[in-house]
Amino acid sequence: WMSRYARKKDASHGGVVDAFEALGCSVAVVECATKGCFDVVVGCAGRDHAVEVKPTKAQAGRADRTRLRDSQSKFHAAWKGARIPVVHDAKEVAELVNLWRLEAANADRAAQLLKREMDETLAKVTYG
């Protein structure tokens, strides 16, 4: 037996979770005791990302369900980690995953450049 809220949540989250998984991501649905907590954690490109899932206007039936509740806005504002993206559908999931992969590739390139620079600097240092 599922509550009406759980059924609605399951219906709106299912398509988004499926979209993340279809793009090769890992997804864990979060059952958080903290009011306003994000909905899922997504593993992508070697990193973990908190994500808020909201229904599309068509799924919601009411426009107010597509926006963050006050408790969610407060949680997001107080969160010390990375900003928490809000996704509504598979298209937004694909855009977000592409962004994460690009950020990860750029971070890896930057780390390689820094390592090379450090190696070159260390090679010039002489020890007496």
N, C-alpha and C. Protein backbone atom coordinates (compact mmCIF):
# COMPACT_ATOMS: atom_id res chain seq x y z
N TRP A 1 0.85 -1.18 0.00
CA TRP A 1 0.00 0.00 0.00
C TRP A 1 0.89 1.23 0.00
N MET A 2 0.59 2.18 -0.90
CA MET A 2 1.33 3.43 -0.96
C MET A 2 0.39 4.60 -0.74
N SER A 3 0.89 5.60 -0.03
CA SER A 3 0.09 6.80 0.16
C SER A 3 -0.08 7.51 -1.18
N ARG A 4 -1.03 8.41 -1.26
CA ARG A 4 -1.25 9.17 -2.49
C ARG A 4 0.00 9.97 -2.85
N TYR A 5 0.67 10.57 -1.84
CA TYR A 5 1.90 11.31 -2.08
C TYR A 5 2.99 10.40 -2.65
N ALA A 6 3.13 9.20 -2.09
CA ALA A 6 4.16 8.27 -2.56
C ALA A 6 3.88 7.83 -3.99
N ARG A 7 2.61 7.61 -4.34
CA ARG A 7 2.26 7.24 -5.72
C ARG A 7 2.59 8.36 -6.69
N LYS A 8 2.27 9.62 -6.32
CA LYS A 8 2.58 10.76 -7.19
C LYS A 8 4.08 10.93 -7.33
N LYS A 9 4.78 10.79 -6.21
CA LYS A 9 6.24 10.92 -6.23
C LYS A 9 6.83 9.83 -7.12
N ASP A 10 6.37 8.60 -6.95
CA ASP A 10 6.87 7.49 -7.74
C ASP A 10 6.61 7.72 -9.23
N ALA A 11 5.44 8.24 -9.57
CA ALA A 11 5.09 8.47 -10.97
C ALA A 11 5.99 9.52 -11.61
N SER A 12 6.25 10.62 -10.92
CA SER A 12 7.07 11.68 -11.50
C SER A 12 8.55 11.32 -11.49
N HIS A 13 9.00 10.58 -10.50
CA HIS A 13 10.41 10.23 -10.40
C HIS A 13 10.81 9.13 -11.36
N GLY A 14 9.88 8.22 -11.64
CA GLY A 14 10.21 7.06 -12.46
C GLY A 14 10.85 7.40 -13.79
N GLY A 15 10.25 8.32 -14.53
CA GLY A 15 10.80 8.69 -15.83
C GLY A 15 12.15 9.34 -15.73
N VAL A 16 12.36 10.15 -14.71
CA VAL A 16 13.64 10.82 -14.51
C VAL A 16 14.71 9.81 -14.10
N VAL A 17 14.38 8.92 -13.19
CA VAL A 17 15.33 7.88 -12.77
C VAL A 17 15.70 7.01 -13.96
N ASP A 18 14.71 6.62 -14.74
CA ASP A 18 14.96 5.80 -15.94
C ASP A 18 15.88 6.53 -16.91
N ALA A 19 15.67 7.82 -17.08
CA ALA A 19 16.49 8.62 -18.01
C ALA A 19 17.95 8.66 -17.54
N PHE A 20 18.17 8.88 -16.24
CA PHE A 20 19.55 8.87 -15.71
C PHE A 20 20.19 7.51 -15.96
N GLU A 21 19.46 6.45 -15.65
CA GLU A 21 20.01 5.10 -15.80
C GLU A 21 20.29 4.76 -17.26
N ALA A 22 19.43 5.22 -18.17
CA ALA A 22 19.63 4.97 -19.61
C ALA A 22 20.91 5.64 -20.11
N LEU A 23 21.34 6.70 -19.42
CA LEU A 23 22.57 7.41 -19.79
C LEU A 23 23.79 6.88 -19.03
N GLY A 24 23.61 5.75 -18.35
CA GLY A 24 24.74 5.10 -17.68
C GLY A 24 25.02 5.59 -16.28
N CYS A 25 24.10 6.32 -15.69
CA CYS A 25 24.29 6.82 -14.32
C CYS A 25 23.73 5.83 -13.30
N SER A 26 24.24 5.92 -12.08
CA SER A 26 23.66 5.20 -10.94
C SER A 26 22.72 6.16 -10.23
N VAL A 27 21.62 5.64 -9.71
CA VAL A 27 20.66 6.50 -9.02
C VAL A 27 20.22 5.85 -7.72
N ALA A 28 20.24 6.62 -6.66
CA ALA A 28 19.71 6.17 -5.37
C ALA A 28 18.62 7.16 -4.95
N VAL A 29 17.42 6.65 -4.72
CA VAL A 29 16.33 7.49 -4.25
C VAL A 29 16.54 7.72 -2.77
N VAL A 30 16.45 8.97 -2.36
CA VAL A 30 16.75 9.36 -0.97
C VAL A 30 15.45 9.45 -0.18
N GLU A 31 15.41 8.76 0.92
CA GLU A 31 14.32 8.89 1.88
C GLU A 31 14.90 9.60 3.08
N CYS A 32 14.82 10.90 3.08
CA CYS A 32 15.52 11.74 4.04
C CYS A 32 14.58 12.21 5.15
N ALA A 33 15.07 12.17 6.36
CA ALA A 33 14.27 12.64 7.50
C ALA A 33 14.26 14.16 7.58
N THR A 34 15.20 14.81 6.91
CA THR A 34 15.29 16.26 6.93
C THR A 34 14.27 16.86 5.99
N LYS A 35 13.46 17.74 6.49
CA LYS A 35 12.41 18.36 5.68
C LYS A 35 13.02 19.17 4.54
N GLY A 36 12.56 18.94 3.33
CA GLY A 36 13.04 19.69 2.18
C GLY A 36 14.23 19.09 1.48
N CYS A 37 14.69 17.92 1.93
CA CYS A 37 15.87 17.27 1.37
C CYS A 37 15.65 16.92 -0.11
N PHE A 38 16.74 16.86 -0.86
CA PHE A 38 16.70 16.49 -2.28
C PHE A 38 16.15 15.07 -2.44
N ASP A 39 15.80 14.71 -3.69
CA ASP A 39 15.10 13.44 -3.95
C ASP A 39 16.00 12.27 -4.29
N VAL A 40 17.05 12.52 -5.07
CA VAL A 40 17.91 11.43 -5.52
C VAL A 40 19.37 11.84 -5.48
N VAL A 41 20.23 10.84 -5.39
CA VAL A 41 21.67 11.03 -5.57
C VAL A 41 22.03 10.28 -6.84
N VAL A 42 22.72 10.97 -7.73
CA VAL A 42 23.08 10.39 -9.03
C VAL A 42 24.60 10.28 -9.11
N GLY A 43 25.07 9.08 -9.43
CA GLY A 43 26.49 8.86 -9.67
C GLY A 43 26.76 8.99 -11.15
N CYS A 44 27.62 9.94 -11.53
CA CYS A 44 27.90 10.19 -12.94
C CYS A 44 29.31 10.76 -13.08
N ALA A 45 30.07 10.22 -14.02
CA ALA A 45 31.41 10.72 -14.34
C ALA A 45 32.31 10.74 -13.11
N GLY A 46 32.17 9.72 -12.26
CA GLY A 46 33.05 9.61 -11.10
C GLY A 46 32.70 10.51 -9.93
N ARG A 47 31.55 11.14 -9.99
CA ARG A 47 31.14 12.06 -8.93
C ARG A 47 29.71 11.76 -8.51
N ASP A 48 29.35 12.22 -7.32
CA ASP A 48 27.99 12.06 -6.82
C ASP A 48 27.29 13.42 -6.85
N HIS A 49 26.03 13.43 -7.25
CA HIS A 49 25.27 14.67 -7.40
C HIS A 49 23.91 14.53 -6.74
N ALA A 50 23.57 15.48 -5.87
CA ALA A 50 22.23 15.55 -5.31
C ALA A 50 21.32 16.20 -6.36
N VAL A 51 20.12 15.67 -6.54
CA VAL A 51 19.20 16.19 -7.55
C VAL A 51 17.79 16.25 -6.97
N GLU A 52 17.10 17.32 -7.28
CA GLU A 52 15.68 17.47 -6.94
C GLU A 52 14.87 17.12 -8.18
N VAL A 53 13.85 16.28 -8.02
CA VAL A 53 12.99 15.88 -9.14
C VAL A 53 11.62 16.51 -8.94
N LYS A 54 11.16 17.21 -9.96
CA LYS A 54 9.82 17.81 -9.92
C LYS A 54 9.06 17.32 -11.14
N PRO A 55 7.75 17.18 -11.01
CA PRO A 55 6.96 16.74 -12.17
C PRO A 55 6.85 17.85 -13.21
N THR A 56 6.60 17.46 -14.45
CA THR A 56 6.31 18.44 -15.48
C THR A 56 4.92 19.01 -15.20
N LYS A 57 4.58 20.10 -15.87
CA LYS A 57 3.24 20.67 -15.69
C LYS A 57 2.15 19.66 -16.04
N ALA A 58 2.40 18.87 -17.08
CA ALA A 58 1.41 17.85 -17.49
C ALA A 58 1.24 16.79 -16.41
N GLN A 59 2.34 16.39 -15.76
CA GLN A 59 2.26 15.37 -14.70
C GLN A 59 1.66 15.95 -13.43
N ALA A 60 1.96 17.21 -13.16
CA ALA A 60 1.59 17.82 -11.88
C ALA A 60 0.09 18.09 -11.76
N GLY A 61 -0.50 18.50 -12.85
CA GLY A 61 -1.90 18.88 -12.76
C GLY A 61 -2.07 20.29 -12.20
N ARG A 62 -1.12 20.72 -11.37
CA ARG A 62 -1.13 22.07 -10.81
C ARG A 62 0.28 22.64 -10.96
N ALA A 63 0.37 23.87 -11.39
CA ALA A 63 1.68 24.50 -11.63
C ALA A 63 2.52 24.59 -10.35
N ASP A 64 1.88 24.73 -9.18
CA ASP A 64 2.64 24.90 -7.95
C ASP A 64 3.45 23.66 -7.57
N ARG A 65 3.09 22.49 -8.11
CA ARG A 65 3.85 21.27 -7.80
C ARG A 65 5.14 21.18 -8.61
N THR A 66 5.29 22.03 -9.63
CA THR A 66 6.50 22.00 -10.45
C THR A 66 7.61 22.85 -9.86
N ARG A 67 7.29 23.62 -8.82
CA ARG A 67 8.27 24.50 -8.17
C ARG A 67 8.66 23.95 -6.81
N LEU A 68 9.77 24.47 -6.27
CA LEU A 68 10.21 24.05 -4.94
C LEU A 68 9.24 24.56 -3.88
N ARG A 69 8.99 23.71 -2.88
CA ARG A 69 8.23 24.14 -1.70
C ARG A 69 9.15 25.01 -0.84
N ASP A 70 8.59 25.75 0.09
CA ASP A 70 9.38 26.61 0.97
C ASP A 70 10.46 25.82 1.69
N SER A 71 10.09 24.63 2.21
CA SER A 71 11.06 23.82 2.95
C SER A 71 12.21 23.39 2.04
N GLN A 72 11.91 23.11 0.77
CA GLN A 72 12.94 22.71 -0.18
C GLN A 72 13.85 23.90 -0.52
N SER A 73 13.26 25.06 -0.72
CA SER A 73 14.06 26.26 -1.00
C SER A 73 15.01 26.56 0.15
N LYS A 74 14.52 26.43 1.38
CA LYS A 74 15.37 26.66 2.56
C LYS A 74 16.49 25.63 2.63
N PHE A 75 16.16 24.37 2.38
CA PHE A 75 17.17 23.31 2.40
C PHE A 75 18.24 23.59 1.35
N HIS A 76 17.82 23.90 0.13
CA HIS A 76 18.76 24.17 -0.96
C HIS A 76 19.67 25.34 -0.62
N ALA A 77 19.11 26.40 -0.03
CA ALA A 77 19.89 27.58 0.33
C ALA A 77 20.92 27.28 1.42
N ALA A 78 20.57 26.39 2.34
CA ALA A 78 21.46 26.06 3.46
C ALA A 78 22.48 24.98 3.11
N TRP A 79 22.29 24.26 2.03
CA TRP A 79 23.15 23.14 1.64
C TRP A 79 24.56 23.63 1.37
N LYS A 80 25.55 23.01 2.01
CA LYS A 80 26.95 23.44 1.88
C LYS A 80 27.66 22.78 0.70
N GLY A 81 27.04 21.80 0.10
CA GLY A 81 27.64 21.14 -1.06
C GLY A 81 27.36 21.90 -2.34
N ALA A 82 27.51 21.22 -3.46
CA ALA A 82 27.24 21.82 -4.77
C ALA A 82 25.76 22.20 -4.87
N ARG A 83 25.47 23.16 -5.72
CA ARG A 83 24.07 23.54 -5.95
C ARG A 83 23.28 22.31 -6.40
N ILE A 84 22.05 22.25 -5.98
CA ILE A 84 21.20 21.10 -6.27
C ILE A 84 20.33 21.44 -7.49
N PRO A 85 20.57 20.76 -8.61
CA PRO A 85 19.75 21.03 -9.78
C PRO A 85 18.36 20.45 -9.63
N VAL A 86 17.40 21.06 -10.32
CA VAL A 86 16.03 20.58 -10.36
C VAL A 86 15.74 20.12 -11.78
N VAL A 87 15.30 18.87 -11.93
CA VAL A 87 14.96 18.35 -13.25
C VAL A 87 13.50 17.92 -13.29
N HIS A 88 12.91 18.04 -14.49
CA HIS A 88 11.50 17.71 -14.67
C HIS A 88 11.29 16.54 -15.63
N ASP A 89 12.23 16.34 -16.57
CA ASP A 89 11.99 15.33 -17.60
C ASP A 89 13.31 14.81 -18.18
N ALA A 90 13.19 13.86 -19.11
CA ALA A 90 14.36 13.20 -19.69
C ALA A 90 15.25 14.17 -20.46
N LYS A 91 14.68 15.17 -21.08
CA LYS A 91 15.48 16.17 -21.82
C LYS A 91 16.40 16.93 -20.86
N GLU A 92 15.86 17.37 -19.74
CA GLU A 92 16.67 18.08 -18.75
C GLU A 92 17.73 17.15 -18.15
N VAL A 93 17.38 15.89 -17.96
CA VAL A 93 18.35 14.90 -17.46
C VAL A 93 19.53 14.80 -18.42
N ALA A 94 19.24 14.67 -19.72
CA ALA A 94 20.31 14.55 -20.72
C ALA A 94 21.21 15.78 -20.72
N GLU A 95 20.62 16.96 -20.64
CA GLU A 95 21.41 18.19 -20.59
C GLU A 95 22.30 18.23 -19.36
N LEU A 96 21.76 17.82 -18.22
CA LEU A 96 22.51 17.83 -16.98
C LEU A 96 23.66 16.82 -17.01
N VAL A 97 23.39 15.61 -17.49
CA VAL A 97 24.43 14.58 -17.59
C VAL A 97 25.55 15.04 -18.53
N ASN A 98 25.18 15.64 -19.65
CA ASN A 98 26.21 16.16 -20.57
C ASN A 98 27.07 17.22 -19.89
N LEU A 99 26.45 18.10 -19.12
CA LEU A 99 27.19 19.13 -18.38
C LEU A 99 28.13 18.49 -17.37
N TRP A 100 27.64 17.51 -16.60
CA TRP A 100 28.49 16.85 -15.61
C TRP A 100 29.68 16.17 -16.27
N ARG A 101 29.44 15.52 -17.39
CA ARG A 101 30.54 14.83 -18.09
C ARG A 101 31.56 15.83 -18.62
N LEU A 102 31.11 16.95 -19.12
CA LEU A 102 32.01 18.00 -19.59
C LEU A 102 32.82 18.57 -18.43
N GLU A 103 32.16 18.85 -17.31
CA GLU A 103 32.87 19.36 -16.12
C GLU A 103 33.91 18.37 -15.64
N ALA A 104 33.57 17.09 -15.62
CA ALA A 104 34.51 16.06 -15.16
C ALA A 104 35.71 15.97 -16.10
N ALA A 105 35.47 16.03 -17.40
CA ALA A 105 36.56 15.97 -18.37
C ALA A 105 37.47 17.19 -18.22
N ASN A 106 36.88 18.36 -18.03
CA ASN A 106 37.68 19.58 -17.84
C ASN A 106 38.48 19.52 -16.55
N ALA A 107 37.88 18.99 -15.50
CA ALA A 107 38.59 18.87 -14.21
C ALA A 107 39.76 17.90 -14.35
N ASP A 108 39.56 16.80 -15.08
CA ASP A 108 40.63 15.83 -15.29
C ASP A 108 41.77 16.46 -16.10
N ARG A 109 41.42 17.22 -17.13
CA ARG A 109 42.46 17.90 -17.93
C ARG A 109 43.22 18.91 -17.09
N ALA A 110 42.52 19.66 -16.27
CA ALA A 110 43.17 20.64 -15.42
C ALA A 110 44.12 19.96 -14.43
N ALA A 111 43.70 18.83 -13.88
CA ALA A 111 44.56 18.10 -12.94
C ALA A 111 45.82 17.58 -13.66
N GLN A 112 45.66 17.11 -14.90
CA GLN A 112 46.82 16.63 -15.66
C GLN A 112 47.79 17.77 -15.95
N LEU A 113 47.27 18.93 -16.32
CA LEU A 113 48.13 20.10 -16.59
C LEU A 113 48.87 20.53 -15.33
N LEU A 114 48.17 20.54 -14.22
CA LEU A 114 48.80 20.92 -12.95
C LEU A 114 49.89 19.94 -12.57
N LYS A 115 49.63 18.66 -12.74
CA LYS A 115 50.64 17.64 -12.42
C LYS A 115 51.86 17.81 -13.30
N ARG A 116 51.66 18.03 -14.59
CA ARG A 116 52.79 18.22 -15.51
C ARG A 116 53.61 19.44 -15.10
N GLU A 117 52.91 20.52 -14.76
CA GLU A 117 53.59 21.75 -14.34
C GLU A 117 54.40 21.52 -13.06
N MET A 118 53.82 20.78 -12.12
CA MET A 118 54.53 20.48 -10.87
C MET A 118 55.74 19.60 -11.14
N ASP A 119 55.58 18.59 -12.02
CA ASP A 119 56.71 17.72 -12.36
C ASP A 119 57.83 18.51 -13.00
N GLU A 120 57.49 19.42 -13.91
CA GLU A 120 58.50 20.26 -14.57
C GLU A 120 59.21 21.16 -13.56
N THR A 121 58.47 21.71 -12.64
CA THR A 121 59.06 22.58 -11.61
C THR A 121 59.99 21.76 -10.71
N LEU A 122 59.54 20.58 -10.30
CA LEU A 122 60.37 19.74 -9.44
C LEU A 122 61.64 19.29 -10.16
N ALA A 123 61.55 19.05 -11.46
CA ALA A 123 62.71 18.63 -12.23
C ALA A 123 63.77 19.73 -12.28
N LYS A 124 63.37 20.97 -12.15
CA LYS A 124 64.31 22.10 -12.19
C LYS A 124 64.96 22.37 -10.84
N VAL A 125 64.34 21.86 -9.79
CA VAL A 125 64.86 22.11 -8.44
C VAL A 125 66.07 21.21 -8.20
N THR A 126 67.11 21.81 -7.70
CA THR A 126 68.29 21.02 -7.33
C THR A 126 68.40 20.95 -5.82
N TYR A 127 68.83 19.84 -5.37
CA TYR A 127 68.97 19.65 -3.92
C TYR A 127 70.44 19.56 -3.61
N GLY A 128 70.88 20.29 -2.58
CA GLY A 128 72.29 20.36 -2.25
C GLY A 128 72.77 19.34 -1.29
